[in-house]
Amino acid sequence: KNHTDDVITQSYVLKRCGAAYLFAASITKDTDPKMSQNFAKAYGRVMMLAGQALMLKLGWTEQEAAKSIETDLKNMLKYYQKDGSDSFSRTGKYMENNYIGEDLGFCKGVAEASN
């Protein structure tokens, strides 16, 4: 079954993309400020879309949507930080040849499709 029309699936994907973009922005801010800024903009865009989906499709208040986003974002970010650090200690790279890089590639398509 195709779940792309399901608001829970949509908001999960957007939140996960937001966490991936926030992680990428944080680890590139010193080495590539322009790229970091692009990741930060993409983060803002997908988080706004996640909030809109929760409010418009589920009838949540702004506060309910914000709390859901904040909780899920913090939880997802923990995994990116741990796994990115583990990857860096093994390979010298945070986001290459692992699911973090794959997520960012997938999220680029999500962000482009939402424009």
C-alpha atoms as a PDB file:
ATOM      1  CA  LYS A   1       0.000   0.000   0.000  1.00  0.00           C
ATOM      2  CA  ASN A   2       1.189   3.503  -0.813  1.00  0.00           C
ATOM      3  CA  HIS A   3       1.361   5.591   2.363  1.00  0.00           C
ATOM      4  CA  THR A   4       2.470   8.900   0.813  1.00  0.00           C
ATOM      5  CA  ASP A   5      -1.009  10.371   1.335  1.00  0.00           C
ATOM      6  CA  ASP A   6      -0.986   9.461   5.033  1.00  0.00           C
ATOM      7  CA  VAL A   7      -0.290  12.537   7.167  1.00  0.00           C
ATOM      8  CA  ILE A   8       1.572  10.517   9.810  1.00  0.00           C
ATOM      9  CA  THR A   9       3.918   9.136   7.148  1.00  0.00           C
ATOM     10  CA  GLN A  10       4.308  12.577   5.575  1.00  0.00           C
ATOM     11  CA  SER A  11       5.098  14.263   8.874  1.00  0.00           C
ATOM     12  CA  TYR A  12       7.552  11.486   9.835  1.00  0.00           C
ATOM     13  CA  VAL A  13       9.444  11.879   6.557  1.00  0.00           C
ATOM     14  CA  LEU A  14       9.499  15.675   6.879  1.00  0.00           C
ATOM     15  CA  LYS A  15      10.664  15.504  10.512  1.00  0.00           C
ATOM     16  CA  ARG A  16      13.385  12.992   9.635  1.00  0.00           C
ATOM     17  CA  CYS A  17      14.526  15.209   6.784  1.00  0.00           C
ATOM     18  CA  GLY A  18      14.538  18.153   9.170  1.00  0.00           C
ATOM     19  CA  ALA A  19      16.764  16.247  11.592  1.00  0.00           C
ATOM     20  CA  ALA A  20      19.109  15.207   8.769  1.00  0.00           C
ATOM     21  CA  TYR A  21      19.330  18.802   7.507  1.00  0.00           C
ATOM     22  CA  LEU A  22      19.909  20.182  11.008  1.00  0.00           C
ATOM     23  CA  PHE A  23      22.691  17.646  11.619  1.00  0.00           C
ATOM     24  CA  ALA A  24      24.270  18.452   8.252  1.00  0.00           C
ATOM     25  CA  ALA A  25      24.052  22.204   8.924  1.00  0.00           C
ATOM     26  CA  SER A  26      25.732  21.781  12.294  1.00  0.00           C
ATOM     27  CA  ILE A  27      28.678  19.723  11.027  1.00  0.00           C
ATOM     28  CA  THR A  28      29.334  21.919   7.962  1.00  0.00           C
ATOM     29  CA  LYS A  29      28.999  25.336   9.637  1.00  0.00           C
ATOM     30  CA  ASP A  30      32.756  25.776  10.153  1.00  0.00           C
ATOM     31  CA  THR A  31      34.079  24.040   7.038  1.00  0.00           C
ATOM     32  CA  ASP A  32      31.483  25.196   4.480  1.00  0.00           C
ATOM     33  CA  PRO A  33      29.283  28.035   5.784  1.00  0.00           C
ATOM     34  CA  LYS A  34      27.415  28.384   2.465  1.00  0.00           C
ATOM     35  CA  MET A  35      26.467  24.712   2.414  1.00  0.00           C
ATOM     36  CA  SER A  36      25.518  24.915   6.087  1.00  0.00           C
ATOM     37  CA  GLN A  37      23.225  27.835   5.300  1.00  0.00           C
ATOM     38  CA  ASN A  38      21.579  25.839   2.500  1.00  0.00           C
ATOM     39  CA  PHE A  39      21.017  22.910   4.860  1.00  0.00           C
ATOM     40  CA  ALA A  40      19.550  25.307   7.447  1.00  0.00           C
ATOM     41  CA  LYS A  41      17.145  26.765   4.868  1.00  0.00           C
ATOM     42  CA  ALA A  42      16.047  23.277   3.810  1.00  0.00           C
ATOM     43  CA  TYR A  43      15.554  22.408   7.500  1.00  0.00           C
ATOM     44  CA  GLY A  44      13.260  25.405   7.940  1.00  0.00           C
ATOM     45  CA  ARG A  45      11.271  24.536   4.832  1.00  0.00           C
ATOM     46  CA  VAL A  46      10.591  20.897   5.722  1.00  0.00           C
ATOM     47  CA  MET A  47       9.803  21.714   9.360  1.00  0.00           C
ATOM     48  CA  MET A  48       7.266  24.313   8.226  1.00  0.00           C
ATOM     49  CA  LEU A  49       5.689  21.724   5.914  1.00  0.00           C
ATOM     50  CA  ALA A  50       5.536  19.167   8.744  1.00  0.00           C
ATOM     51  CA  GLY A  51       3.777  21.676  10.992  1.00  0.00           C
ATOM     52  CA  GLN A  52       1.334  22.665   8.277  1.00  0.00           C
ATOM     53  CA  ALA A  53       0.499  19.020   7.547  1.00  0.00           C
ATOM     54  CA  LEU A  54      -0.214  18.287  11.211  1.00  0.00           C
ATOM     55  CA  MET A  55      -2.340  21.399  11.666  1.00  0.00           C
ATOM     56  CA  LEU A  56      -4.266  21.260   8.390  1.00  0.00           C
ATOM     57  CA  LYS A  57      -4.799  17.517   8.037  1.00  0.00           C
ATOM     58  CA  LEU A  58      -5.125  16.503  11.697  1.00  0.00           C
ATOM     59  CA  GLY A  59      -6.609  19.742  13.018  1.00  0.00           C
ATOM     60  CA  TRP A  60      -3.831  20.152  15.586  1.00  0.00           C
ATOM     61  CA  THR A  61      -3.133  23.505  17.173  1.00  0.00           C
ATOM     62  CA  GLU A  62       0.160  25.248  16.479  1.00  0.00           C
ATOM     63  CA  GLN A  63       1.327  24.247  19.975  1.00  0.00           C
ATOM     64  CA  GLU A  64       0.440  20.571  19.455  1.00  0.00           C
ATOM     65  CA  ALA A  65       2.247  20.488  16.120  1.00  0.00           C
ATOM     66  CA  ALA A  66       5.283  22.297  17.539  1.00  0.00           C
ATOM     67  CA  LYS A  67       5.514  19.898  20.499  1.00  0.00           C
ATOM     68  CA  SER A  68       5.308  16.859  18.214  1.00  0.00           C
ATOM     69  CA  ILE A  69       7.983  18.270  15.925  1.00  0.00           C
ATOM     70  CA  GLU A  70      10.283  19.221  18.804  1.00  0.00           C
ATOM     71  CA  THR A  71      10.007  15.816  20.496  1.00  0.00           C
ATOM     72  CA  ASP A  72      10.541  13.803  17.321  1.00  0.00           C
ATOM     73  CA  LEU A  73      13.316  16.089  16.061  1.00  0.00           C
ATOM     74  CA  LYS A  74      15.282  15.735  19.319  1.00  0.00           C
ATOM     75  CA  ASN A  75      14.928  11.947  19.225  1.00  0.00           C
ATOM     76  CA  MET A  76      15.970  11.662  15.575  1.00  0.00           C
ATOM     77  CA  LEU A  77      18.854  14.082  16.002  1.00  0.00           C
ATOM     78  CA  LYS A  78      20.320  11.889  18.753  1.00  0.00           C
ATOM     79  CA  TYR A  79      20.673   9.042  16.243  1.00  0.00           C
ATOM     80  CA  TYR A  80      22.264  11.263  13.595  1.00  0.00           C
ATOM     81  CA  GLN A  81      24.725  12.664  16.133  1.00  0.00           C
ATOM     82  CA  LYS A  82      25.701   9.245  17.524  1.00  0.00           C
ATOM     83  CA  ASP A  83      25.875   7.487  14.175  1.00  0.00           C
ATOM     84  CA  GLY A  84      27.604  10.430  12.496  1.00  0.00           C
ATOM     85  CA  SER A  85      30.254  10.491  15.232  1.00  0.00           C
ATOM     86  CA  ASP A  86      30.715   6.725  14.970  1.00  0.00           C
ATOM     87  CA  SER A  87      31.097   7.024  11.205  1.00  0.00           C
ATOM     88  CA  PHE A  88      33.583   9.875  11.580  1.00  0.00           C
ATOM     89  CA  SER A  89      35.713   7.910  14.032  1.00  0.00           C
ATOM     90  CA  ARG A  90      35.856   4.971  11.581  1.00  0.00           C
ATOM     91  CA  THR A  91      36.098   6.774   8.227  1.00  0.00           C
ATOM     92  CA  GLY A  92      36.795  10.477   8.792  1.00  0.00           C
ATOM     93  CA  LYS A  93      33.402  11.273   7.213  1.00  0.00           C
ATOM     94  CA  TYR A  94      30.108  12.058   8.900  1.00  0.00           C
ATOM     95  CA  MET A  95      27.669  11.596   6.037  1.00  0.00           C
ATOM     96  CA  GLU A  96      29.265   9.404   3.351  1.00  0.00           C
ATOM     97  CA  ASN A  97      28.682   5.693   2.824  1.00  0.00           C
ATOM     98  CA  ASN A  98      26.010   5.520   5.540  1.00  0.00           C
ATOM     99  CA  TYR A  99      22.300   6.077   5.983  1.00  0.00           C
ATOM    100  CA  ILE A 100      22.810   9.750   6.854  1.00  0.00           C
ATOM    101  CA  GLY A 101      24.067  10.494   3.348  1.00  0.00           C
ATOM    102  CA  GLU A 102      21.290   8.357   1.899  1.00  0.00           C
ATOM    103  CA  ASP A 103      18.719  10.268   3.945  1.00  0.00           C
ATOM    104  CA  LEU A 104      20.094  13.593   2.710  1.00  0.00           C
ATOM    105  CA  GLY A 105      19.857  12.375  -0.896  1.00  0.00           C
ATOM    106  CA  PHE A 106      16.269  11.256  -0.359  1.00  0.00           C
ATOM    107  CA  CYS A 107      15.423  14.500   1.442  1.00  0.00           C
ATOM    108  CA  LYS A 108      16.772  16.575  -1.423  1.00  0.00           C
ATOM    109  CA  GLY A 109      14.073  14.998  -3.574  1.00  0.00           C
ATOM    110  CA  VAL A 110      11.447  15.653  -0.906  1.00  0.00           C
ATOM    111  CA  ALA A 111      12.486  19.300  -0.610  1.00  0.00           C
ATOM    112  CA  GLU A 112      12.522  19.782  -4.395  1.00  0.00           C
ATOM    113  CA  ALA A 113       9.105  18.129  -4.767  1.00  0.00           C
ATOM    114  CA  SER A 114       7.652  20.460  -2.138  1.00  0.00           C
ATOM    115  CA  ASN A 115       8.692  23.647  -3.955  1.00  0.00           C
END
